[in-house]
Amino acid sequence: MFEGLNMGDLGKMLEEVQQKAKELEEKSESIELTARSGGGLVKVTANGKGEIIDIDIDDSLLEDKEALQILLISAINDVMKMVEDNKKSAAMSMLGGGFNPFAGGGSSQS
């Protein structure tokens, strides 16, 4: 099963994967993803790591707590889904970029 597998090459491949993962994590901090709800009355921005970095609320919502809560929850859920999709896309591009030792010439999905 492991005939012809050079352990030195495997170690080097794992180092490359770790380095690429570290680069992706660093890059994800600079990515900004924004979701809007209520026709733009609420805007939530997160970085690629999933940290909320900004929330913008239209003044008209400050008198309607229930509507504000609903729109805020919706925008947060949307931006968190965007973060998750971004992470999956980055992982697929890393694996599709020749870093998957188990794939037989995989392709990138973007």
Protein backbone atom coordinates (compact mmCIF):
# COMPACT_ATOMS: atom_id res chain seq x y z
CA MET A 1 0.00 0.00 0.00
CA PHE A 2 2.83 2.39 0.81
CA GLU A 3 5.30 1.07 -1.72
CA GLY A 4 7.40 3.77 -3.31
CA LEU A 5 6.28 6.36 -0.73
CA ASN A 6 9.24 8.42 0.35
CA MET A 7 8.73 9.54 3.94
CA GLY A 8 10.95 12.58 3.34
CA ASP A 9 8.65 13.69 0.53
CA LEU A 10 5.60 13.10 2.72
CA GLY A 11 7.11 15.24 5.49
CA LYS A 12 7.88 18.01 3.02
CA MET A 13 4.34 17.81 1.63
CA LEU A 14 2.88 18.12 5.15
CA GLU A 15 5.07 21.14 5.84
CA GLU A 16 3.81 22.76 2.64
CA VAL A 17 0.19 22.09 3.66
CA GLN A 18 0.79 23.59 7.12
CA GLN A 19 2.43 26.67 5.59
CA LYS A 20 -0.43 27.12 3.12
CA ALA A 21 -3.00 26.76 5.92
CA LYS A 22 -1.17 29.41 7.97
CA GLU A 23 -1.11 31.77 4.97
CA LEU A 24 -4.85 31.25 4.41
CA GLU A 25 -5.59 31.98 8.07
CA GLU A 26 -3.56 35.20 7.95
CA LYS A 27 -5.24 36.21 4.71
CA SER A 28 -8.70 35.55 6.18
CA GLU A 29 -8.19 38.32 8.73
CA SER A 30 -8.06 40.89 5.93
CA ILE A 31 -11.17 39.60 4.13
CA GLU A 32 -14.35 41.54 4.89
CA LEU A 33 -17.78 40.03 4.27
CA THR A 34 -20.94 42.14 4.63
CA ALA A 35 -24.58 41.10 4.93
CA ARG A 36 -27.56 43.45 4.84
CA SER A 37 -31.12 42.96 6.05
CA GLY A 38 -34.25 45.04 5.94
CA GLY A 39 -33.32 46.54 2.60
CA GLY A 40 -30.03 47.78 4.02
CA LEU A 41 -31.38 49.11 7.33
CA VAL A 42 -29.00 46.76 9.15
CA LYS A 43 -25.52 45.95 7.90
CA VAL A 44 -23.16 43.49 9.62
CA THR A 45 -19.53 43.05 8.56
CA ALA A 46 -17.27 40.16 9.62
CA ASN A 47 -13.74 39.23 8.74
CA GLY A 48 -12.84 35.89 7.19
CA LYS A 49 -12.19 34.41 10.64
CA GLY A 50 -15.82 34.99 11.61
CA GLU A 51 -15.24 37.96 13.92
CA ILE A 52 -17.88 40.68 13.70
CA ILE A 53 -15.96 43.88 12.96
CA ASP A 54 -18.76 46.37 12.25
CA ILE A 55 -22.51 46.79 12.68
CA ASP A 56 -24.41 49.66 11.04
CA ILE A 57 -28.02 50.31 12.10
CA ASP A 58 -30.29 52.86 10.43
CA ASP A 59 -31.59 55.42 12.93
CA SER A 60 -35.20 54.65 11.95
CA LEU A 61 -34.91 51.26 13.67
CA LEU A 62 -33.90 52.67 17.04
CA GLU A 63 -37.56 53.14 17.99
CA ASP A 64 -38.60 49.58 17.00
CA LYS A 65 -36.68 47.15 19.18
CA GLU A 66 -38.41 44.02 17.86
CA ALA A 67 -37.75 44.86 14.20
CA LEU A 68 -34.15 45.76 15.05
CA GLN A 69 -33.62 42.42 16.78
CA ILE A 70 -35.10 40.44 13.88
CA LEU A 71 -33.07 42.30 11.25
CA LEU A 72 -29.89 42.07 13.31
CA ILE A 73 -30.26 38.31 13.81
CA SER A 74 -30.93 37.88 10.10
CA ALA A 75 -27.87 39.90 9.06
CA ILE A 76 -25.61 38.11 11.56
CA ASN A 77 -26.80 34.69 10.39
CA ASP A 78 -26.25 35.69 6.76
CA VAL A 79 -22.73 37.01 7.35
CA MET A 80 -21.77 33.91 9.36
CA LYS A 81 -22.94 31.71 6.45
CA MET A 82 -20.81 33.85 4.13
CA VAL A 83 -17.80 33.32 6.42
CA GLU A 84 -18.37 29.55 6.43
CA ASP A 85 -18.74 29.45 2.63
CA ASN A 86 -15.55 31.50 2.30
CA LYS A 87 -13.65 29.06 4.54
CA LYS A 88 -14.89 26.08 2.52
CA SER A 89 -13.94 27.78 -0.73
CA ALA A 90 -10.45 28.56 0.59
CA ALA A 91 -9.99 24.96 1.76
CA MET A 92 -11.14 23.58 -1.58
CA SER A 93 -8.79 25.88 -3.47
CA MET A 94 -5.92 24.78 -1.23
CA LEU A 95 -6.69 21.11 -1.84
CA GLY A 96 -7.29 21.70 -5.52
CA GLY A 97 -3.98 23.55 -5.75
CA GLY A 98 -1.96 20.37 -5.53
CA PHE A 99 -1.77 20.03 -1.77
CA ASN A 100 -3.99 16.95 -1.49
CA PRO A 101 -1.68 13.91 -1.53
CA PHE A 102 -4.69 11.59 -1.86
CA ALA A 103 -6.30 13.23 -4.89
CA GLY A 104 -5.52 12.09 -8.35
CA GLY A 105 -5.19 15.50 -10.00
CA GLY A 106 -8.13 17.20 -8.30
CA SER A 107 -9.76 20.31 -9.63
CA SER A 108 -10.42 23.62 -7.91
CA GLN A 109 -13.97 24.73 -7.17
CA SER A 110 -14.34 28.48 -6.91
